[in-house]
Amino acid sequence: MSGYECPQNLRSGPGSREAHTRARAIIPGGVNSPARAFGKVGGGPPVVLLRGQGARVWDVDGNSYLDYLAAYGPLILGHAHPRVVEAVSAAVRQGPLLGTPTPGETELAETLRAAIPSLEMVRLLTTGTEAVMTAIRLARGYTGRRLVVKFDGAYHGHSDPVLVRAGSGAATVGVPDSLGVGSATASEVVSLPYNDLGAVRGFFAARGEEVAAILVEPVAGNMGLVEPEPGFLPGLRRLATAAGALLVFDEIITGFRFHHGAVQDLLGVTADLTCLGKIIGGGLPLAALGGRRAIMSRLAPEGGVYQAGTHAGNPLAVAAGLATLEELGRPGVYEELERSGAVLAEGLRQLAADRGIPVTLNRRGSMFTLFFTAEKVRDLAGAEASDHRRFARFHRLLLDRGVLLAPSPYECWFTSTAHGPMELEETLEAAAAAFAALD
């Protein structure tokens, strides 16, 4: 190993504590997204970051961390990639917001269509939440139906219809998972177990004619990484088609993560509508909804399904997205991402085995989750059964040693093009010490 050493007890240093105390006085919980809170791992206040460069970030106390949070996925090129910074700098000099169509919007939409065959038309938006919300409204407007089928453990943003969890039975109409979500909204959503095609078949046999859309992450990333089992996605495709419902893929995490396009193309299943975000904005707020022309043309102003946004297709985000996608199109980029993901994941698996610590590691390319369980994780129940207390200790031990992960056992690690051999070596050295401390 490299001999890399990091001072102990870095988490929530005095600068982070002071900054978080100040934030709590004016911002609910001191964070602008609950995912950024460290309460789930018992780590007290979160580290407050000041800057990032490549594979590293620095907090307000000056401590450096190797970053596998990647802002929850967008930063596939690492922090402040020179081409992205240059593109955004050039764009801001032309005006950060113009309020009319711009050539860059069309260029980005064409780039997405060229990379993902199912995107006959594209609408640019600002956030992933907005993309999913619009997909649901569009599916309902197109089909004239109201019911949406989603899956336990999936996160599709924070709009009302998707803040619904499963009821007492596999096919029970959902109940709100947040205060403020009405029972009427929840009654129009059904949440079923991921990877359980039998449950979906049973529900469609009873109520398939009421379903507007099946909404699914083709590779789940919000119960940790969980791959679809053979036959699951093709089965959803057949059920949706037979019932006259739409199949909507939430590829906000998976789009451009594993190859230059959507994961649906690797899996051989085509969605009617696809939601994109994260990577396509290059670290700036940008999302997209695309799909069949007959469906997308129902959006205003061509059709009667309304959607709008002041910042949709923002010139800065479009510039960052185009620069990112162009960089990802270079030969060998995804092969290198696959190698770095494999080296890190297999190294972690071996370190755990050497210490006799039971883990299951689910990985695809540069994205993976380390579950503290010996059992296979194929759905939310499996993720919930993993040892969350051990994860919390592991998270704190790695943070002490200069490695930043998402503060939740239900999130993923992400490697970027900035994670080279030296960064991976340092990470595995820190992990070896953390596993040893777990004994």
Protein backbone atom coordinates (compact mmCIF):
# COMPACT_ATOMS: atom_id res chain seq x y z
CA MET A 1 0.00 0.00 0.00
CA SER A 2 0.95 3.65 -0.26
CA GLY A 3 1.49 4.35 3.44
CA TYR A 4 -1.22 7.00 3.28
CA GLU A 5 -2.08 8.35 6.72
CA CYS A 6 -4.90 10.64 7.75
CA PRO A 7 -5.40 12.26 11.17
CA GLN A 8 -8.04 10.52 13.23
CA ASN A 9 -11.46 11.87 14.23
CA LEU A 10 -11.84 14.09 11.20
CA ARG A 11 -15.60 13.84 11.04
CA SER A 12 -17.51 16.90 12.14
CA GLY A 13 -14.46 18.98 13.02
CA PRO A 14 -14.87 22.36 14.73
CA GLY A 15 -15.39 24.21 11.45
CA SER A 16 -18.05 21.74 10.28
CA ARG A 17 -19.79 21.84 13.67
CA GLU A 18 -19.86 25.62 13.68
CA ALA A 19 -21.11 25.78 10.09
CA HIS A 20 -23.81 23.21 10.80
CA THR A 21 -24.95 25.03 13.94
CA ARG A 22 -25.26 28.22 11.92
CA ALA A 23 -27.18 26.38 9.19
CA ARG A 24 -29.61 24.78 11.65
CA ALA A 25 -30.70 28.21 12.82
CA ILE A 26 -32.06 29.06 9.37
CA ILE A 27 -32.29 25.80 7.36
CA PRO A 28 -34.49 22.88 8.58
CA GLY A 29 -32.12 20.30 10.02
CA GLY A 30 -29.20 22.34 8.74
CA VAL A 31 -29.36 20.62 5.34
CA ASN A 32 -31.15 21.38 2.08
CA SER A 33 -31.68 17.68 1.38
CA PRO A 34 -32.29 15.07 4.09
CA ALA A 35 -29.84 12.71 2.36
CA ARG A 36 -27.01 15.00 3.44
CA ALA A 37 -27.66 14.51 7.14
CA PHE A 38 -25.39 12.09 9.01
CA GLY A 39 -27.98 11.06 11.60
CA LYS A 40 -28.54 7.63 10.04
CA VAL A 41 -24.94 6.66 10.69
CA GLY A 42 -24.80 8.23 14.15
CA GLY A 43 -22.07 10.57 13.04
CA GLY A 44 -23.47 13.76 14.48
CA PRO A 45 -23.30 16.85 12.26
CA PRO A 46 -22.23 16.21 8.65
CA VAL A 47 -18.87 17.28 7.36
CA VAL A 48 -19.34 20.60 5.59
CA LEU A 49 -17.45 20.60 2.32
CA LEU A 50 -15.77 23.63 0.81
CA ARG A 51 -14.38 22.41 -2.51
CA GLY A 52 -13.61 19.40 -4.69
CA GLN A 53 -10.97 18.57 -7.28
CA GLY A 54 -10.71 15.29 -9.14
CA ALA A 55 -11.37 12.40 -6.77
CA ARG A 56 -10.96 14.48 -3.59
CA VAL A 57 -12.98 16.93 -1.54
CA TRP A 58 -11.95 19.25 1.29
CA ASP A 59 -14.05 20.32 4.27
CA VAL A 60 -14.09 23.69 6.01
CA ASP A 61 -11.51 22.41 8.50
CA GLY A 62 -9.06 21.70 5.68
CA ASN A 63 -9.38 17.90 5.87
CA SER A 64 -9.15 15.96 2.61
CA TYR A 65 -11.33 12.97 1.69
CA LEU A 66 -11.36 10.56 -1.21
CA ASP A 67 -14.88 10.95 -2.53
CA TYR A 68 -17.15 8.00 -3.39
CA LEU A 69 -20.33 9.98 -2.78
CA ALA A 70 -19.91 11.78 -6.13
CA ALA A 71 -22.82 14.08 -5.17
CA TYR A 72 -24.99 10.93 -5.29
CA GLY A 73 -23.89 10.02 -8.80
CA PRO A 74 -23.55 12.98 -11.18
CA LEU A 75 -19.77 13.46 -10.95
CA ILE A 76 -18.62 10.62 -13.17
CA LEU A 77 -15.66 12.77 -14.31
CA GLY A 78 -14.77 13.78 -10.74
CA HIS A 79 -14.92 17.27 -9.30
CA ALA A 80 -14.20 20.39 -11.37
CA HIS A 81 -13.19 18.54 -14.52
CA PRO A 82 -11.26 21.04 -16.69
CA ARG A 83 -13.46 20.57 -19.78
CA VAL A 84 -16.64 21.08 -17.77
CA VAL A 85 -15.25 24.14 -16.00
CA GLU A 86 -14.15 25.63 -19.33
CA ALA A 87 -17.55 24.98 -20.92
CA VAL A 88 -19.48 26.53 -18.05
CA SER A 89 -17.13 29.52 -17.89
CA ALA A 90 -17.68 30.19 -21.59
CA ALA A 91 -21.44 29.81 -21.22
CA VAL A 92 -21.79 32.17 -18.25
CA ARG A 93 -20.05 34.90 -20.23
CA GLN A 94 -22.88 34.61 -22.77
CA GLY A 95 -25.51 34.97 -20.05
CA PRO A 96 -26.54 32.41 -17.43
CA LEU A 97 -30.25 32.47 -18.36
CA LEU A 98 -31.81 33.76 -21.57
CA GLY A 99 -35.49 32.82 -21.36
CA THR A 100 -35.86 31.68 -24.96
CA PRO A 101 -34.78 28.52 -26.82
CA THR A 102 -31.02 28.25 -27.34
CA PRO A 103 -29.02 26.17 -29.84
CA GLY A 104 -27.40 24.21 -27.01
CA GLU A 105 -30.75 22.78 -25.89
CA THR A 106 -31.32 21.22 -29.29
CA GLU A 107 -27.75 19.96 -29.48
CA LEU A 108 -28.07 18.23 -26.13
CA ALA A 109 -31.44 16.71 -27.04
CA GLU A 110 -29.92 15.41 -30.28
CA THR A 111 -26.96 14.00 -28.33
CA LEU A 112 -29.30 12.13 -25.99
CA ARG A 113 -31.38 10.81 -28.89
CA ALA A 114 -28.27 9.58 -30.71
CA ALA A 115 -27.11 7.71 -27.61
CA ILE A 116 -30.49 6.21 -26.59
CA PRO A 117 -32.56 4.82 -29.49
CA SER A 118 -35.88 4.88 -27.59
CA LEU A 119 -35.76 8.69 -27.25
CA GLU A 120 -37.60 9.79 -30.36
CA MET A 121 -38.34 13.13 -28.69
CA VAL A 122 -36.80 14.80 -25.63
CA ARG A 123 -37.92 17.48 -23.18
CA LEU A 124 -35.23 19.06 -20.99
CA LEU A 125 -36.08 19.78 -17.36
CA THR A 126 -34.22 20.84 -14.23
CA THR A 127 -34.39 17.97 -11.70
CA GLY A 128 -34.96 14.25 -11.61
CA THR A 129 -38.00 14.78 -9.40
CA GLU A 130 -39.48 16.97 -12.13
CA ALA A 131 -38.71 14.40 -14.83
CA VAL A 132 -40.53 11.61 -12.98
CA MET A 133 -43.43 13.86 -12.01
CA THR A 134 -43.84 14.83 -15.68
CA ALA A 135 -43.57 11.21 -16.83
CA ILE A 136 -46.42 10.23 -14.51
CA ARG A 137 -48.60 13.13 -15.66
CA LEU A 138 -47.82 12.35 -19.30
CA ALA A 139 -48.58 8.64 -18.87
CA ARG A 140 -51.91 9.48 -17.27
CA GLY A 141 -52.73 12.02 -19.97
CA TYR A 142 -51.81 9.62 -22.76
CA THR A 143 -53.64 6.57 -21.40
CA GLY A 144 -56.56 8.28 -19.69
CA ARG A 145 -55.87 6.16 -16.60
CA ARG A 146 -54.73 7.09 -13.09
CA LEU A 147 -53.06 4.09 -11.43
CA VAL A 148 -49.25 3.88 -11.21
CA VAL A 149 -47.31 0.77 -10.24
CA LYS A 150 -43.94 1.32 -8.57
CA PHE A 151 -41.63 -0.86 -6.47
CA ASP A 152 -40.67 -1.05 -2.82
CA GLY A 153 -37.32 0.55 -2.06
CA ALA A 154 -37.24 2.72 -5.16
CA TYR A 155 -36.75 6.47 -4.87
CA HIS A 156 -38.12 8.55 -7.72
CA GLY A 157 -37.84 12.02 -6.21
CA HIS A 158 -40.14 13.80 -3.80
CA SER A 159 -43.30 14.50 -5.77
CA ASP A 160 -46.47 13.28 -4.06
CA PRO A 161 -47.26 10.18 -6.16
CA VAL A 162 -43.89 8.54 -5.54
CA LEU A 163 -43.71 9.17 -1.80
CA VAL A 164 -45.73 6.03 -1.26
CA ARG A 165 -44.65 2.76 0.31
CA ALA A 166 -46.22 -0.67 0.20
CA GLY A 167 -49.21 -1.46 2.37
CA SER A 168 -49.71 -4.60 4.41
CA GLY A 169 -49.80 -6.94 1.43
CA ALA A 170 -47.84 -7.29 -1.79
CA ALA A 171 -50.64 -5.77 -3.86
CA THR A 172 -52.11 -3.40 -1.29
CA VAL A 173 -52.80 0.15 -2.39
CA GLY A 174 -50.05 2.37 -1.03
CA VAL A 175 -50.13 4.60 2.01
CA PRO A 176 -48.34 7.95 2.26
CA ASP A 177 -44.68 7.82 3.25
CA SER A 178 -44.63 11.52 4.11
CA LEU A 179 -46.88 13.90 5.93
CA GLY A 180 -48.68 16.11 3.47
CA VAL A 181 -49.29 13.38 0.90
CA GLY A 182 -53.02 12.85 0.74
CA SER A 183 -54.74 9.50 0.91
CA ALA A 184 -56.38 10.19 -2.45
CA THR A 185 -52.95 10.52 -4.07
CA ALA A 186 -51.69 7.38 -2.36
CA SER A 187 -54.77 5.46 -3.50
CA GLU A 188 -53.62 5.92 -7.08
CA VAL A 189 -50.23 4.27 -6.50
CA VAL A 190 -49.43 0.63 -5.85
CA SER A 191 -46.00 -0.42 -4.60
CA LEU A 192 -44.92 -4.01 -5.24
CA PRO A 193 -41.75 -5.98 -4.35
CA TYR A 194 -38.85 -5.40 -6.76
CA ASN A 195 -37.82 -8.53 -8.68
CA ASP A 196 -41.16 -10.24 -7.92
CA LEU A 197 -42.75 -10.64 -11.33
CA GLY A 198 -45.41 -12.94 -9.88
CA ALA A 199 -46.72 -10.12 -7.69
CA VAL A 200 -46.93 -7.83 -10.72
CA ARG A 201 -48.71 -10.49 -12.78
CA GLY A 202 -51.23 -11.01 -10.01
CA PHE A 203 -51.96 -7.31 -9.73
CA PHE A 204 -52.33 -6.88 -13.49
CA ALA A 205 -54.68 -9.84 -13.65
CA ALA A 206 -56.94 -8.03 -11.19
CA ARG A 207 -56.55 -4.38 -12.18
CA GLY A 208 -54.33 -4.10 -15.24
CA GLU A 209 -56.93 -2.11 -17.21
CA GLU A 210 -56.60 0.70 -14.63
CA VAL A 211 -52.81 1.06 -14.87
CA ALA A 212 -51.37 4.09 -16.63
CA ALA A 213 -47.72 3.23 -16.05
CA ILE A 214 -45.21 0.88 -14.50
CA LEU A 215 -42.45 3.06 -13.02
CA VAL A 216 -39.20 1.24 -12.29
CA GLU A 217 -35.46 1.70 -11.94
CA PRO A 218 -34.12 -0.86 -14.44
CA VAL A 219 -31.16 -1.26 -12.10
CA ALA A 220 -32.20 -0.20 -8.63
CA GLY A 221 -29.93 2.28 -6.88
CA ASN A 222 -31.87 3.43 -3.86
CA MET A 223 -32.06 0.24 -1.81
CA GLY A 224 -28.40 -0.04 -2.56
CA LEU A 225 -27.54 -1.39 -5.99
CA VAL A 226 -29.87 -4.26 -6.88
CA GLU A 227 -29.82 -5.81 -10.35
CA PRO A 228 -33.01 -6.98 -12.05
CA GLU A 229 -33.26 -10.75 -12.07
CA PRO A 230 -33.51 -12.54 -15.42
CA GLY A 231 -36.98 -12.14 -16.87
CA PHE A 232 -38.11 -9.35 -14.53
CA LEU A 233 -37.82 -6.38 -16.90
CA PRO A 234 -38.95 -8.33 -20.01
CA GLY A 235 -41.93 -9.48 -17.97
CA LEU A 236 -42.81 -5.90 -17.05
CA ARG A 237 -42.53 -4.95 -20.72
CA ARG A 238 -44.96 -7.69 -21.75
CA LEU A 239 -47.45 -6.89 -18.98
CA ALA A 240 -47.46 -3.17 -19.76
CA THR A 241 -47.92 -3.73 -23.49
CA ALA A 242 -50.72 -6.26 -23.02
CA ALA A 243 -52.60 -3.96 -20.65
CA GLY A 244 -52.13 -0.79 -22.68
CA ALA A 245 -50.00 0.78 -19.96
CA LEU A 246 -46.68 2.58 -20.40
CA LEU A 247 -43.35 1.28 -19.14
CA VAL A 248 -41.39 4.16 -17.60
CA PHE A 249 -37.72 3.69 -16.76
CA ASP A 250 -36.17 5.94 -14.14
CA GLU A 251 -32.59 6.09 -15.45
CA ILE A 252 -31.66 9.18 -13.48
CA ILE A 253 -28.82 7.25 -11.82
CA THR A 254 -28.11 4.67 -14.53
CA GLY A 255 -28.17 6.85 -17.63
CA PHE A 256 -24.58 7.14 -18.98
CA ARG A 257 -23.22 5.43 -15.85
CA PHE A 258 -22.33 2.09 -17.49
CA HIS A 259 -21.93 3.01 -21.16
CA HIS A 260 -22.59 5.93 -23.46
CA GLY A 261 -26.35 5.62 -23.25
CA ALA A 262 -29.05 4.05 -21.14
CA VAL A 263 -28.79 0.78 -19.24
CA GLN A 264 -32.01 -0.38 -20.93
CA ASP A 265 -30.01 -0.86 -24.12
CA LEU A 266 -27.55 -3.14 -22.33
CA LEU A 267 -30.44 -5.09 -20.80
CA GLY A 268 -32.38 -5.41 -24.05
CA VAL A 269 -35.66 -3.90 -22.79
CA THR A 270 -37.06 -0.69 -24.29
CA ALA A 271 -39.08 1.76 -22.22
CA ASP A 272 -41.90 3.91 -23.54
CA LEU A 273 -40.62 6.86 -21.48
CA THR A 274 -37.18 7.35 -19.93
CA CYS A 275 -36.21 9.79 -17.17
CA LEU A 276 -32.61 11.03 -17.14
CA GLY A 277 -30.66 13.30 -14.80
CA LYS A 278 -27.48 13.46 -12.73
CA ILE A 279 -24.67 12.66 -15.22
CA ILE A 280 -26.30 14.46 -18.17
CA GLY A 281 -25.92 17.77 -16.30
CA GLY A 282 -22.23 17.36 -15.56
CA GLY A 283 -22.78 18.47 -11.94
CA LEU A 284 -25.30 21.21 -12.70
CA PRO A 285 -29.10 20.92 -12.35
CA LEU A 286 -30.41 19.25 -15.49
CA ALA A 287 -32.79 16.41 -16.28
CA ALA A 288 -34.61 15.06 -19.31
CA LEU A 289 -37.68 13.06 -20.24
CA GLY A 290 -37.74 11.24 -23.54
CA GLY A 291 -39.63 8.54 -25.35
CA ARG A 292 -41.88 7.65 -28.23
CA ARG A 293 -42.94 10.55 -30.44
CA ALA A 294 -46.63 9.65 -30.17
CA ILE A 295 -46.43 10.03 -26.39
CA MET A 296 -44.03 12.97 -26.09
CA SER A 297 -46.05 15.03 -28.57
CA ARG A 298 -48.83 15.17 -25.97
CA LEU A 299 -46.71 17.65 -23.98
CA ALA A 300 -47.64 21.33 -24.26
CA PRO A 301 -47.48 23.29 -26.45
CA GLU A 302 -48.13 20.47 -28.95
CA GLY A 303 -50.54 18.62 -26.68
CA GLY A 304 -52.67 19.05 -23.61
CA VAL A 305 -50.29 17.74 -20.91
CA TYR A 306 -48.79 20.79 -19.27
CA GLN A 307 -45.18 21.11 -18.11
CA ALA A 308 -42.98 24.18 -17.87
CA GLY A 309 -39.88 25.47 -16.11
CA THR A 310 -38.00 28.76 -15.96
CA HIS A 311 -34.63 27.01 -15.75
CA ALA A 312 -35.42 24.11 -18.09
CA GLY A 313 -32.53 23.79 -20.55
CA ASN A 314 -30.45 26.31 -18.57
CA PRO A 315 -27.46 27.31 -20.75
CA LEU A 316 -24.88 26.62 -18.03
CA ALA A 317 -26.26 23.15 -17.30
CA VAL A 318 -26.53 22.36 -21.00
CA ALA A 319 -22.90 23.38 -21.54
CA ALA A 320 -21.75 21.23 -18.62
CA GLY A 321 -23.82 18.30 -19.89
CA LEU A 322 -22.52 18.51 -23.45
CA ALA A 323 -18.90 18.69 -22.24
CA THR A 324 -19.45 15.70 -19.92
CA LEU A 325 -21.10 13.53 -22.57
CA GLU A 326 -18.42 14.39 -25.09
CA GLU A 327 -15.71 13.41 -22.61
CA LEU A 328 -17.55 10.16 -21.86
CA GLY A 329 -17.55 9.42 -25.58
CA ARG A 330 -13.76 9.11 -25.71
CA PRO A 331 -12.54 5.56 -26.46
CA GLY A 332 -11.77 3.48 -23.39
CA VAL A 333 -13.51 5.66 -20.77
CA TYR A 334 -16.10 3.08 -19.73
CA GLU A 335 -13.59 0.25 -19.84
CA GLU A 336 -11.44 2.17 -17.36
CA LEU A 337 -14.46 2.87 -15.16
CA GLU A 338 -15.26 -0.84 -15.19
CA ARG A 339 -11.69 -1.68 -14.16
CA SER A 340 -11.62 0.81 -11.29
CA GLY A 341 -15.00 -0.39 -10.03
CA ALA A 342 -13.87 -4.00 -10.17
CA VAL A 343 -10.55 -3.36 -8.43
CA LEU A 344 -12.16 -1.47 -5.58
CA ALA A 345 -15.13 -3.79 -5.13
CA GLU A 346 -13.11 -6.99 -5.25
CA GLY A 347 -10.52 -5.46 -2.92
CA LEU A 348 -13.20 -4.62 -0.38
CA ARG A 349 -14.72 -8.07 -0.67
CA GLN A 350 -11.36 -9.72 -0.04
CA LEU A 351 -10.55 -7.47 2.91
CA ALA A 352 -13.86 -8.36 4.53
CA ALA A 353 -13.28 -12.07 3.88
CA ASP A 354 -9.81 -11.86 5.41
CA ARG A 355 -11.42 -10.59 8.62
CA GLY A 356 -14.30 -13.05 8.53
CA ILE A 357 -16.84 -10.24 8.15
CA PRO A 358 -19.88 -11.35 6.15
CA VAL A 359 -20.64 -9.01 3.24
CA THR A 360 -22.52 -9.09 -0.02
CA LEU A 361 -21.29 -6.77 -2.72
CA ASN A 362 -23.60 -5.87 -5.61
CA ARG A 363 -21.77 -4.13 -8.45
CA ARG A 364 -22.32 -2.99 -12.00
CA GLY A 365 -19.47 -1.06 -13.57
CA SER A 366 -18.44 1.96 -11.52
CA MET A 367 -21.36 1.70 -9.07
CA PHE A 368 -21.73 -0.73 -6.18
CA THR A 369 -23.08 -1.27 -2.69
CA LEU A 370 -21.39 -3.14 0.15
CA PHE A 371 -24.08 -4.80 2.30
CA PHE A 372 -23.09 -6.19 5.69
CA THR A 373 -24.86 -9.51 5.26
CA ALA A 374 -23.97 -12.95 3.97
CA GLU A 375 -27.33 -13.24 2.19
CA LYS A 376 -28.04 -12.26 -1.39
CA VAL A 377 -29.69 -8.85 -1.69
CA ARG A 378 -32.32 -8.89 -4.44
CA ASP A 379 -34.96 -6.52 -3.03
CA LEU A 380 -35.74 -4.07 -0.26
CA ALA A 381 -36.28 -6.82 2.31
CA GLY A 382 -32.75 -8.08 1.72
CA ALA A 383 -31.31 -4.58 2.05
CA GLU A 384 -33.27 -3.99 5.26
CA ALA A 385 -31.96 -7.25 6.72
CA SER A 386 -28.32 -6.19 6.38
CA ASP A 387 -26.43 -5.01 9.46
CA HIS A 388 -27.02 -1.26 9.53
CA ARG A 389 -25.17 -0.75 12.80
CA ARG A 390 -22.05 -2.32 11.35
CA PHE A 391 -22.40 -0.13 8.27
CA ALA A 392 -22.64 2.96 10.50
CA ARG A 393 -19.42 2.00 12.29
CA PHE A 394 -17.70 1.28 8.97
CA HIS A 395 -18.82 4.64 7.59
CA ARG A 396 -17.40 6.51 10.58
CA LEU A 397 -14.15 4.54 10.52
CA LEU A 398 -13.64 5.32 6.84
CA LEU A 399 -14.49 8.97 7.33
CA ASP A 400 -11.88 9.13 10.09
CA ARG A 401 -9.39 7.77 7.58
CA GLY A 402 -10.26 10.22 4.82
CA VAL A 403 -12.80 8.31 2.73
CA LEU A 404 -16.25 9.82 2.14
CA LEU A 405 -19.30 7.62 1.50
CA ALA A 406 -22.99 8.40 1.43
CA PRO A 407 -24.25 8.32 5.04
CA SER A 408 -26.79 5.55 4.41
CA PRO A 409 -26.64 1.77 3.91
CA TYR A 410 -29.17 2.18 1.08
CA GLU A 411 -26.87 4.22 -1.15
CA CYS A 412 -24.12 3.35 -3.62
CA TRP A 413 -20.41 3.97 -3.98
CA PHE A 414 -19.44 5.67 -7.26
CA THR A 415 -16.03 5.71 -8.85
CA SER A 416 -15.13 8.36 -11.41
CA THR A 417 -12.55 8.80 -14.14
CA ALA A 418 -10.49 10.65 -11.52
CA HIS A 419 -10.11 7.54 -9.35
CA GLY A 420 -6.80 6.11 -10.49
CA PRO A 421 -4.56 3.38 -9.04
CA MET A 422 -3.18 5.63 -6.30
CA GLU A 423 -6.65 6.65 -5.10
CA LEU A 424 -7.86 3.05 -5.12
CA GLU A 425 -4.80 1.91 -3.21
CA GLU A 426 -5.30 4.58 -0.55
CA THR A 427 -8.96 3.64 -0.26
CA LEU A 428 -8.23 -0.04 0.24
CA GLU A 429 -5.60 0.78 2.86
CA ALA A 430 -8.16 2.84 4.77
CA ALA A 431 -10.73 0.07 4.36
CA ALA A 432 -8.30 -2.55 5.68
CA ALA A 433 -7.86 -0.50 8.86
CA ALA A 434 -11.63 0.02 9.13
CA PHE A 435 -12.41 -3.69 8.75
CA ALA A 436 -9.76 -4.47 11.36
CA ALA A 437 -11.45 -2.06 13.77
CA LEU A 438 -14.81 -3.78 13.19
CA ASP A 439 -13.54 -7.11 14.57
